[in-house]
Amino acid sequence: MDYDFVSSRNQAWLCSSALAPFVDAYIFYLINLGYSEQSIRTYSHAVAHFAHWLDGKNCQLQFINEETIKKFLFDHLPACECAQQCRRSMFSVRAALKHLLKILRAEGAIPGHAPRPRYPRIEELARYETYLDEVRGLAASTRTCMVRYVDQFLAVKFGKRPVDIKLVTSRDIHRFVTRLGKDFKPSSIRSVAGALRSYLRYRAMLGDHTEPLIASIPGVAQWRLATLPKALSSLEVDHLLSSFDRTTAIGRRDYAITRCLIDLGLRAGEVAQLQINDINWHEGILAVKSTKTHRVQLLPLPERTGEAIVDYLSHGRPSAPCRALFVRHRGPVNSAISSGAVCSRVRLASSRCHMTPSIGAHTCRHTAACQMLKAGASIKEIADILRHRRIDTTMIYAKIDMDRLNLVVAPWLGQ
């Protein structure tokens, strides 16, 4: 056992437990993932706490699984009296035990994942998601959201019973959608209604008579172009970009990420998917894989954006077999960042600038569109850069072009 990461109390808990033979493998696993010494110490203490609890429950090794961990997290931790300094942070303990399960399964100490019960509803949802992917070509995040809403409706109506669309009534749909009004915003209710409408159209494609059900889905009063897009001013953009510490590797990475968002108007998911090979340095072109249309579009790479990426690749990005352009610098290292991480980096930067409320990655996309509009770009050109499938989506930016709107405004009567 590597005692540098484990306190004497936790050593005693681990050595007397059924987890003792796997402690070294666990610590080496975290080291190989690039976790810091503090993170390894935190995770090993959480595992020691778990091992001590297992001894008290007389739980044998082969019975450790996700359900055992849930009991530890939600039943034991809130009322824990094992020791004053036991690790009780739900976030860190959950992450530590998730890694522990991987090690135990890799060593063959516990059975693999138990197969999920294949309820008729689950099989129906799997077929529906295949339709969304192969027929409609929707992004994975969109499919997940739509399937989740349809699952909630089918669970209420059928539970574990077979799905029979003939048993669904207009009243069932109306009651389900209107019940969400207490907890959901209008935009979220529209998403639920859209998911149900899509599912019923899928069933109609299979031959079911769902037209009356589709017509019964209540509409939600929300006008797409009623609000103005939130964008940053030039001064706010300068403050945001200057908030990154570009003397550090993470600061260089986050600065390059934000430049991609503001200069090119990329979505967070598109930034996370960028690969090193997507950049043609000789031509100054960036290949962007759209997260919505699954198409690859070539965009000109602005000089400032290219310089920020080069600075990160030369002096910030660690050497890693992963070909992602932007990678994690904390464990697990050598893996691409997620779209959520892209959003969080912008949000943290805006908090450092004392922006209230803090902004997300999509605000940078709005900012890019507004900057192009002020530079004299047409709506069609902006739509092409932002990769909008419909020009109507881009028309919202026409509402903030005050110079051009003043040219067409009618004079007020009496003036």
Protein backbone atom coordinates (compact mmCIF):
# COMPACT_ATOMS: atom_id res chain seq x y z
CA MET A 1 0.00 0.00 0.00
CA ASP A 2 1.23 3.51 -0.87
CA TYR A 3 1.07 5.07 2.60
CA ASP A 4 1.95 8.56 1.37
CA PHE A 5 -1.65 9.11 0.35
CA VAL A 6 -3.39 7.46 3.33
CA SER A 7 -3.50 8.61 6.94
CA SER A 8 -2.79 6.16 9.79
CA ARG A 9 -6.48 5.91 10.73
CA ASN A 10 -7.52 5.20 7.17
CA GLN A 11 -4.68 2.70 6.80
CA ALA A 12 -6.13 0.74 9.71
CA TRP A 13 -9.64 0.84 8.20
CA LEU A 14 -8.40 -0.30 4.80
CA CYS A 15 -6.00 -3.02 6.00
CA SER A 16 -8.71 -4.68 8.09
CA SER A 17 -11.29 -4.60 5.28
CA ALA A 18 -12.08 -6.74 2.27
CA LEU A 19 -10.81 -3.89 0.06
CA ALA A 20 -7.20 -4.18 1.30
CA PRO A 21 -5.89 -6.21 -1.70
CA PHE A 22 -7.12 -3.56 -4.14
CA VAL A 23 -5.85 -0.35 -2.53
CA ASP A 24 -2.56 -0.24 -4.45
CA ALA A 25 -4.32 -0.87 -7.76
CA TYR A 26 -6.78 1.87 -6.91
CA ILE A 27 -4.09 4.45 -6.13
CA PHE A 28 -1.99 3.55 -9.19
CA TYR A 29 -5.13 3.85 -11.32
CA LEU A 30 -5.67 7.42 -10.09
CA ILE A 31 -2.00 8.29 -10.62
CA ASN A 32 -2.16 7.07 -14.22
CA LEU A 33 -5.22 9.25 -14.81
CA GLY A 34 -3.20 12.29 -13.73
CA TYR A 35 -5.02 13.11 -10.50
CA SER A 36 -3.17 15.40 -8.12
CA GLU A 37 -1.84 14.17 -4.78
CA GLN A 38 -4.59 16.05 -2.96
CA SER A 39 -7.30 14.43 -5.08
CA ILE A 40 -5.79 10.97 -4.57
CA ARG A 41 -5.64 11.57 -0.83
CA THR A 42 -9.27 12.74 -0.83
CA TYR A 43 -10.48 9.75 -2.83
CA SER A 44 -8.51 7.21 -0.79
CA HIS A 45 -9.96 8.64 2.43
CA ALA A 46 -13.46 8.26 0.97
CA VAL A 47 -12.71 4.62 0.09
CA ALA A 48 -11.40 4.02 3.61
CA HIS A 49 -14.61 5.43 5.07
CA PHE A 50 -16.60 3.16 2.79
CA ALA A 51 -14.49 0.15 3.80
CA HIS A 52 -15.06 0.91 7.50
CA TRP A 53 -18.82 1.09 6.88
CA LEU A 54 -18.74 -2.23 4.98
CA ASP A 55 -17.07 -3.91 7.98
CA GLY A 56 -19.77 -2.59 10.27
CA LYS A 57 -22.45 -4.00 7.97
CA ASN A 58 -20.60 -7.31 7.52
CA CYS A 59 -20.98 -6.82 3.78
CA GLN A 60 -18.93 -9.27 1.74
CA LEU A 61 -16.86 -8.14 -1.22
CA GLN A 62 -18.88 -9.85 -3.94
CA PHE A 63 -22.02 -8.00 -2.90
CA ILE A 64 -20.60 -4.50 -3.50
CA ASN A 65 -22.46 -2.77 -6.32
CA GLU A 66 -24.26 0.46 -7.21
CA GLU A 67 -27.05 -0.25 -4.73
CA THR A 68 -24.54 -0.70 -1.90
CA ILE A 69 -22.96 2.64 -2.74
CA LYS A 70 -26.37 4.35 -2.84
CA LYS A 71 -27.09 3.13 0.69
CA PHE A 72 -23.74 4.47 1.84
CA LEU A 73 -24.25 7.85 0.16
CA PHE A 74 -27.85 8.55 1.03
CA ASP A 75 -28.43 6.58 4.22
CA HIS A 76 -25.10 6.58 6.03
CA LEU A 77 -23.37 9.84 5.09
CA PRO A 78 -26.13 12.22 6.32
CA ALA A 79 -26.10 10.54 9.75
CA CYS A 80 -22.44 9.46 9.87
CA GLU A 81 -20.77 9.31 13.29
CA CYS A 82 -17.74 7.21 12.31
CA ALA A 83 -15.16 9.95 12.97
CA GLN A 84 -15.10 13.73 13.02
CA GLN A 85 -12.81 14.07 10.00
CA CYS A 86 -14.45 11.46 7.77
CA ARG A 87 -14.96 12.51 4.17
CA ARG A 88 -18.66 13.38 3.81
CA SER A 89 -18.75 15.46 0.64
CA MET A 90 -21.33 13.78 -1.58
CA PHE A 91 -19.58 14.89 -4.77
CA SER A 92 -16.09 13.61 -3.93
CA VAL A 93 -17.27 10.41 -2.23
CA ARG A 94 -19.51 9.50 -5.17
CA ALA A 95 -16.63 10.06 -7.61
CA ALA A 96 -14.20 8.04 -5.45
CA LEU A 97 -16.53 5.05 -5.20
CA LYS A 98 -17.32 5.18 -8.90
CA HIS A 99 -13.61 4.65 -9.58
CA LEU A 100 -13.53 1.90 -6.96
CA LEU A 101 -16.22 -0.07 -8.80
CA LYS A 102 -14.17 0.14 -12.00
CA ILE A 103 -11.11 -1.31 -10.24
CA LEU A 104 -13.04 -4.09 -8.52
CA ARG A 105 -14.69 -5.13 -11.79
CA ALA A 106 -11.41 -4.93 -13.69
CA GLU A 107 -9.83 -7.22 -11.09
CA GLY A 108 -12.77 -9.63 -11.30
CA ALA A 109 -13.59 -9.16 -7.61
CA ILE A 110 -17.25 -8.27 -8.19
CA PRO A 111 -19.71 -9.12 -10.97
CA GLY A 112 -20.13 -6.79 -13.92
CA HIS A 113 -23.06 -4.48 -14.43
CA ALA A 114 -26.35 -6.25 -14.00
CA PRO A 115 -28.45 -6.02 -17.16
CA ARG A 116 -31.24 -3.52 -16.91
CA PRO A 117 -34.76 -4.96 -16.99
CA ARG A 118 -36.12 -4.73 -20.52
CA TYR A 119 -39.57 -3.36 -19.88
CA PRO A 120 -41.72 -2.97 -22.99
CA ARG A 121 -41.46 0.80 -22.49
CA ILE A 122 -37.65 0.64 -22.60
CA GLU A 123 -37.71 -1.25 -25.88
CA GLU A 124 -40.20 1.22 -27.33
CA LEU A 125 -37.96 4.14 -26.37
CA ALA A 126 -34.93 2.43 -27.93
CA ARG A 127 -36.78 2.14 -31.24
CA TYR A 128 -37.92 5.75 -31.01
CA GLU A 129 -34.36 6.98 -30.36
CA THR A 130 -33.16 5.02 -33.40
CA TYR A 131 -35.79 6.86 -35.44
CA LEU A 132 -34.59 10.23 -34.10
CA ASP A 133 -31.01 9.35 -35.00
CA GLU A 134 -31.32 7.61 -38.36
CA VAL A 135 -34.41 9.31 -39.80
CA ARG A 136 -34.40 12.78 -38.29
CA GLY A 137 -30.65 13.07 -37.75
CA LEU A 138 -30.89 14.80 -34.35
CA ALA A 139 -27.90 15.38 -32.11
CA ALA A 140 -27.31 13.02 -29.19
CA SER A 141 -28.14 15.66 -26.57
CA THR A 142 -31.43 16.48 -28.33
CA ARG A 143 -32.34 12.81 -28.60
CA THR A 144 -31.63 12.27 -24.93
CA CYS A 145 -33.87 15.16 -23.92
CA MET A 146 -36.77 14.09 -26.15
CA VAL A 147 -36.57 10.45 -25.11
CA ARG A 148 -36.56 11.48 -21.45
CA TYR A 149 -39.81 13.46 -21.82
CA VAL A 150 -41.51 10.68 -23.78
CA ASP A 151 -40.35 8.18 -21.16
CA GLN A 152 -41.97 10.24 -18.41
CA PHE A 153 -45.27 10.28 -20.29
CA LEU A 154 -45.22 6.55 -21.08
CA ALA A 155 -44.25 5.71 -17.49
CA VAL A 156 -47.26 7.62 -16.18
CA LYS A 157 -49.62 5.99 -18.66
CA PHE A 158 -48.32 2.42 -18.89
CA GLY A 159 -45.69 1.83 -16.21
CA LYS A 160 -44.20 -1.62 -16.84
CA ARG A 161 -47.08 -2.71 -19.06
CA PRO A 162 -46.77 -2.95 -22.86
CA VAL A 163 -47.20 0.32 -24.74
CA ASP A 164 -50.50 0.41 -26.62
CA ILE A 165 -50.95 3.74 -28.37
CA LYS A 166 -54.65 3.01 -28.85
CA LEU A 167 -55.16 3.41 -25.10
CA VAL A 168 -53.74 6.96 -25.09
CA THR A 169 -56.41 9.64 -24.99
CA SER A 170 -56.35 13.36 -25.56
CA ARG A 171 -57.12 13.81 -21.88
CA ASP A 172 -53.98 11.87 -20.92
CA ILE A 173 -51.79 14.17 -23.02
CA HIS A 174 -53.49 17.37 -21.87
CA ARG A 175 -53.25 16.37 -18.19
CA PHE A 176 -49.55 15.43 -18.52
CA VAL A 177 -48.51 18.68 -20.24
CA THR A 178 -50.58 21.04 -18.09
CA ARG A 179 -49.34 19.38 -14.90
CA LEU A 180 -45.83 20.57 -15.77
CA GLY A 181 -46.88 24.23 -15.67
CA LYS A 182 -46.19 24.47 -11.93
CA ASP A 183 -42.52 23.51 -12.17
CA PHE A 184 -41.47 24.16 -15.78
CA LYS A 185 -40.79 27.37 -17.63
CA PRO A 186 -42.76 28.01 -20.85
CA SER A 187 -39.71 27.11 -22.96
CA SER A 188 -39.38 23.76 -21.14
CA ILE A 189 -43.08 23.01 -21.57
CA ARG A 190 -42.69 23.72 -25.29
CA SER A 191 -39.87 21.16 -25.36
CA VAL A 192 -42.08 18.56 -23.69
CA ALA A 193 -44.92 19.27 -26.11
CA GLY A 194 -42.50 19.07 -29.03
CA ALA A 195 -41.17 15.69 -27.83
CA LEU A 196 -44.69 14.27 -27.53
CA ARG A 197 -45.60 15.63 -30.95
CA SER A 198 -42.50 14.04 -32.44
CA TYR A 199 -43.26 10.67 -30.81
CA LEU A 200 -46.84 10.66 -32.05
CA ARG A 201 -45.64 11.45 -35.56
CA TYR A 202 -43.26 8.53 -35.26
CA ARG A 203 -46.18 6.31 -34.31
CA ALA A 204 -48.17 7.67 -37.24
CA MET A 205 -45.32 6.65 -39.53
CA LEU A 206 -45.76 3.13 -38.18
CA GLY A 207 -49.46 3.18 -39.16
CA ASP A 208 -51.14 4.36 -35.95
CA HIS A 209 -53.97 6.89 -36.14
CA THR A 210 -52.46 9.63 -33.95
CA GLU A 211 -53.64 12.78 -35.75
CA PRO A 212 -56.32 13.57 -33.11
CA LEU A 213 -53.73 13.11 -30.34
CA ILE A 214 -51.28 15.44 -32.06
CA ALA A 215 -54.00 18.08 -32.38
CA SER A 216 -54.79 17.76 -28.66
CA ILE A 217 -51.29 18.77 -27.50
CA PRO A 218 -51.79 22.20 -25.88
CA GLY A 219 -49.89 25.13 -27.28
CA VAL A 220 -47.60 27.27 -25.14
CA ALA A 221 -47.62 31.04 -25.54
CA GLN A 222 -44.01 31.92 -26.20
CA TRP A 223 -42.92 34.10 -29.10
CA ARG A 224 -39.50 33.22 -30.49
CA LEU A 225 -38.57 36.76 -31.51
CA ALA A 226 -40.11 38.57 -28.55
CA THR A 227 -36.80 39.15 -26.76
CA LEU A 228 -33.49 40.61 -27.80
CA PRO A 229 -30.37 38.43 -27.90
CA LYS A 230 -28.07 39.09 -24.95
CA ALA A 231 -24.63 40.12 -26.20
CA LEU A 232 -21.53 41.67 -24.69
CA SER A 233 -20.29 45.12 -25.53
CA SER A 234 -16.78 45.66 -26.86
CA LEU A 235 -15.64 46.82 -23.43
CA GLU A 236 -17.12 43.74 -21.75
CA VAL A 237 -15.43 41.49 -24.30
CA ASP A 238 -12.07 43.10 -23.49
CA HIS A 239 -12.64 42.65 -19.75
CA LEU A 240 -13.64 39.01 -20.27
CA LEU A 241 -10.61 38.16 -22.38
CA SER A 242 -8.22 39.96 -20.04
CA SER A 243 -9.48 37.94 -17.05
CA PHE A 244 -7.54 34.81 -18.09
CA ASP A 245 -4.11 34.18 -16.60
CA ARG A 246 -2.24 33.38 -19.78
CA THR A 247 0.96 32.55 -17.88
CA THR A 248 -0.61 29.20 -16.92
CA ALA A 249 -1.52 26.25 -19.13
CA ILE A 250 -5.17 26.29 -18.05
CA GLY A 251 -5.37 30.04 -18.60
CA ARG A 252 -4.02 29.67 -22.14
CA ARG A 253 -6.53 26.91 -22.86
CA ASP A 254 -9.50 28.85 -21.49
CA TYR A 255 -8.45 31.99 -23.39
CA ALA A 256 -8.25 30.04 -26.67
CA ILE A 257 -11.65 28.46 -25.96
CA THR A 258 -13.25 31.86 -25.39
CA ARG A 259 -11.67 33.25 -28.56
CA CYS A 260 -13.27 30.41 -30.52
CA LEU A 261 -16.63 31.26 -28.98
CA ILE A 262 -16.46 35.02 -29.52
CA ASP A 263 -14.58 35.19 -32.84
CA LEU A 264 -16.26 32.28 -34.61
CA GLY A 265 -19.60 31.98 -32.81
CA LEU A 266 -19.12 28.26 -32.14
CA ARG A 267 -21.42 26.33 -29.86
CA ALA A 268 -19.98 24.84 -26.66
CA GLY A 269 -20.32 21.31 -28.01
CA GLU A 270 -18.56 22.26 -31.23
CA VAL A 271 -15.59 23.66 -29.30
CA ALA A 272 -15.40 20.49 -27.20
CA GLN A 273 -15.36 18.35 -30.37
CA LEU A 274 -12.54 20.24 -32.10
CA GLN A 275 -9.59 18.07 -33.10
CA ILE A 276 -6.03 19.15 -33.83
CA ASN A 277 -6.41 17.85 -37.37
CA ASP A 278 -9.44 20.10 -37.94
CA ILE A 279 -7.13 23.08 -38.49
CA ASN A 280 -5.53 23.67 -41.86
CA TRP A 281 -2.73 26.05 -40.93
CA HIS A 282 -1.56 26.63 -44.51
CA GLU A 283 -5.02 27.75 -45.68
CA GLY A 284 -6.12 29.31 -42.36
CA ILE A 285 -9.29 27.20 -42.28
CA LEU A 286 -11.08 25.47 -39.40
CA ALA A 287 -13.33 22.45 -40.04
CA VAL A 288 -16.31 22.57 -37.65
CA LYS A 289 -18.47 19.51 -37.06
CA SER A 290 -21.91 20.87 -36.26
CA THR A 291 -23.50 19.34 -33.17
CA LYS A 292 -26.97 19.80 -34.67
CA THR A 293 -26.76 19.07 -38.38
CA HIS A 294 -23.83 16.60 -38.24
CA ARG A 295 -22.34 18.44 -41.20
CA VAL A 296 -18.76 19.67 -41.53
CA GLN A 297 -18.39 23.32 -42.44
CA LEU A 298 -15.17 25.14 -43.26
CA LEU A 299 -14.72 28.51 -41.53
CA PRO A 300 -11.90 31.06 -41.91
CA LEU A 301 -9.69 31.06 -38.85
CA PRO A 302 -9.20 34.63 -37.57
CA GLU A 303 -5.62 35.62 -36.84
CA ARG A 304 -6.23 36.37 -33.15
CA THR A 305 -7.98 33.02 -32.68
CA GLY A 306 -5.17 31.17 -34.44
CA GLU A 307 -2.54 32.90 -32.31
CA ALA A 308 -4.38 31.90 -29.12
CA ILE A 309 -4.59 28.27 -30.25
CA VAL A 310 -0.92 28.20 -31.24
CA ASP A 311 0.07 29.65 -27.86
CA TYR A 312 -1.91 26.91 -26.11
CA LEU A 313 -0.54 24.11 -28.30
CA SER A 314 3.04 25.34 -27.91
CA HIS A 315 3.13 26.25 -24.23
CA GLY A 316 0.02 24.84 -22.55
CA ARG A 317 -1.36 21.62 -23.96
CA PRO A 318 0.19 18.51 -22.39
CA SER A 319 1.64 15.82 -24.63
CA ALA A 320 -1.15 13.28 -24.94
CA PRO A 321 -2.26 10.62 -27.43
CA CYS A 322 -5.71 12.21 -27.41
CA ARG A 323 -6.17 14.27 -30.59
CA ALA A 324 -8.73 16.63 -29.08
CA LEU A 325 -7.67 20.27 -29.40
CA PHE A 326 -8.69 21.19 -25.85
CA VAL A 327 -7.99 18.59 -23.16
CA ARG A 328 -8.38 18.26 -19.42
CA HIS A 329 -5.46 19.42 -17.26
CA ARG A 330 -6.76 17.77 -14.08
CA GLY A 331 -7.64 14.13 -13.60
CA PRO A 332 -8.61 12.31 -15.64
CA VAL A 333 -6.08 13.97 -17.93
CA ASN A 334 -5.46 13.17 -21.60
CA SER A 335 -9.17 13.31 -22.41
CA ALA A 336 -11.22 15.91 -24.24
CA ILE A 337 -13.09 18.52 -22.25
CA SER A 338 -16.88 18.37 -22.25
CA SER A 339 -19.33 20.98 -23.47
CA GLY A 340 -20.27 21.59 -19.83
CA ALA A 341 -16.63 22.40 -19.07
CA VAL A 342 -16.58 24.92 -21.92
CA CYS A 343 -19.62 26.67 -20.45
CA SER A 344 -18.16 26.63 -16.94
CA ARG A 345 -14.90 28.27 -18.08
CA VAL A 346 -16.81 31.20 -19.57
CA ARG A 347 -19.06 31.43 -16.53
CA LEU A 348 -16.10 31.54 -14.16
CA ALA A 349 -14.40 34.21 -16.26
CA SER A 350 -17.53 36.38 -16.22
CA SER A 351 -17.71 35.98 -12.45
CA ARG A 352 -14.14 37.23 -12.16
CA CYS A 353 -15.24 40.28 -14.17
CA HIS A 354 -18.18 40.78 -11.75
CA MET A 355 -20.75 40.40 -14.54
CA THR A 356 -24.24 40.06 -13.07
CA PRO A 357 -25.70 37.67 -13.92
CA SER A 358 -22.79 35.55 -15.12
CA ILE A 359 -22.85 34.62 -18.79
CA GLY A 360 -22.61 31.30 -20.60
CA ALA A 361 -21.04 30.13 -23.83
CA HIS A 362 -24.14 30.96 -25.89
CA THR A 363 -23.87 34.63 -24.95
CA CYS A 364 -20.49 34.59 -26.72
CA ARG A 365 -22.23 33.20 -29.80
CA HIS A 366 -24.72 36.10 -29.70
CA THR A 367 -21.79 38.47 -29.27
CA ALA A 368 -20.09 37.09 -32.38
CA ALA A 369 -23.26 37.64 -34.41
CA CYS A 370 -23.66 41.21 -33.15
CA GLN A 371 -20.01 42.00 -33.92
CA MET A 372 -20.45 40.73 -37.48
CA LEU A 373 -23.62 42.81 -37.85
CA LYS A 374 -21.84 45.98 -36.70
CA ALA A 375 -19.02 45.25 -39.15
CA GLY A 376 -21.54 45.37 -42.01
CA ALA A 377 -22.23 41.66 -42.56
CA SER A 378 -25.62 40.76 -43.99
CA ILE A 379 -28.12 38.51 -42.23
CA LYS A 380 -27.43 35.78 -44.80
CA GLU A 381 -23.68 35.95 -44.13
CA ILE A 382 -24.25 35.74 -40.38
CA ALA A 383 -26.57 32.76 -40.89
CA ASP A 384 -23.85 31.01 -42.89
CA ILE A 385 -21.19 31.60 -40.24
CA LEU A 386 -23.47 30.51 -37.40
CA ARG A 387 -24.64 27.53 -39.48
CA HIS A 388 -28.34 28.22 -39.02
CA ARG A 389 -30.54 25.91 -41.06
CA ARG A 390 -33.25 28.57 -41.35
CA ILE A 391 -32.75 32.26 -42.03
CA ASP A 392 -35.63 33.00 -39.62
CA THR A 393 -33.37 31.96 -36.75
CA THR A 394 -30.90 34.69 -37.68
CA MET A 395 -33.55 37.38 -38.19
CA ILE A 396 -33.61 38.12 -34.45
CA TYR A 397 -30.31 39.99 -34.86
CA ALA A 398 -32.00 42.44 -37.23
CA LYS A 399 -33.81 43.86 -34.19
CA ILE A 400 -30.58 45.21 -32.71
CA ASP A 401 -29.25 46.84 -35.90
CA MET A 402 -30.39 50.34 -34.91
CA ASP A 403 -28.54 52.09 -37.75
CA ARG A 404 -30.40 50.20 -40.45
CA LEU A 405 -33.69 50.30 -38.56
CA ASN A 406 -33.49 54.10 -38.43
CA LEU A 407 -33.37 54.17 -42.23
CA VAL A 408 -36.73 52.46 -42.57
CA VAL A 409 -38.60 53.89 -39.58
CA ALA A 410 -41.70 55.86 -40.52
CA PRO A 411 -41.97 59.46 -39.26
CA TRP A 412 -44.35 60.04 -36.35
CA LEU A 413 -47.56 61.84 -37.24
CA GLY A 414 -47.39 65.57 -36.56
CA GLN A 415 -43.65 65.85 -37.00
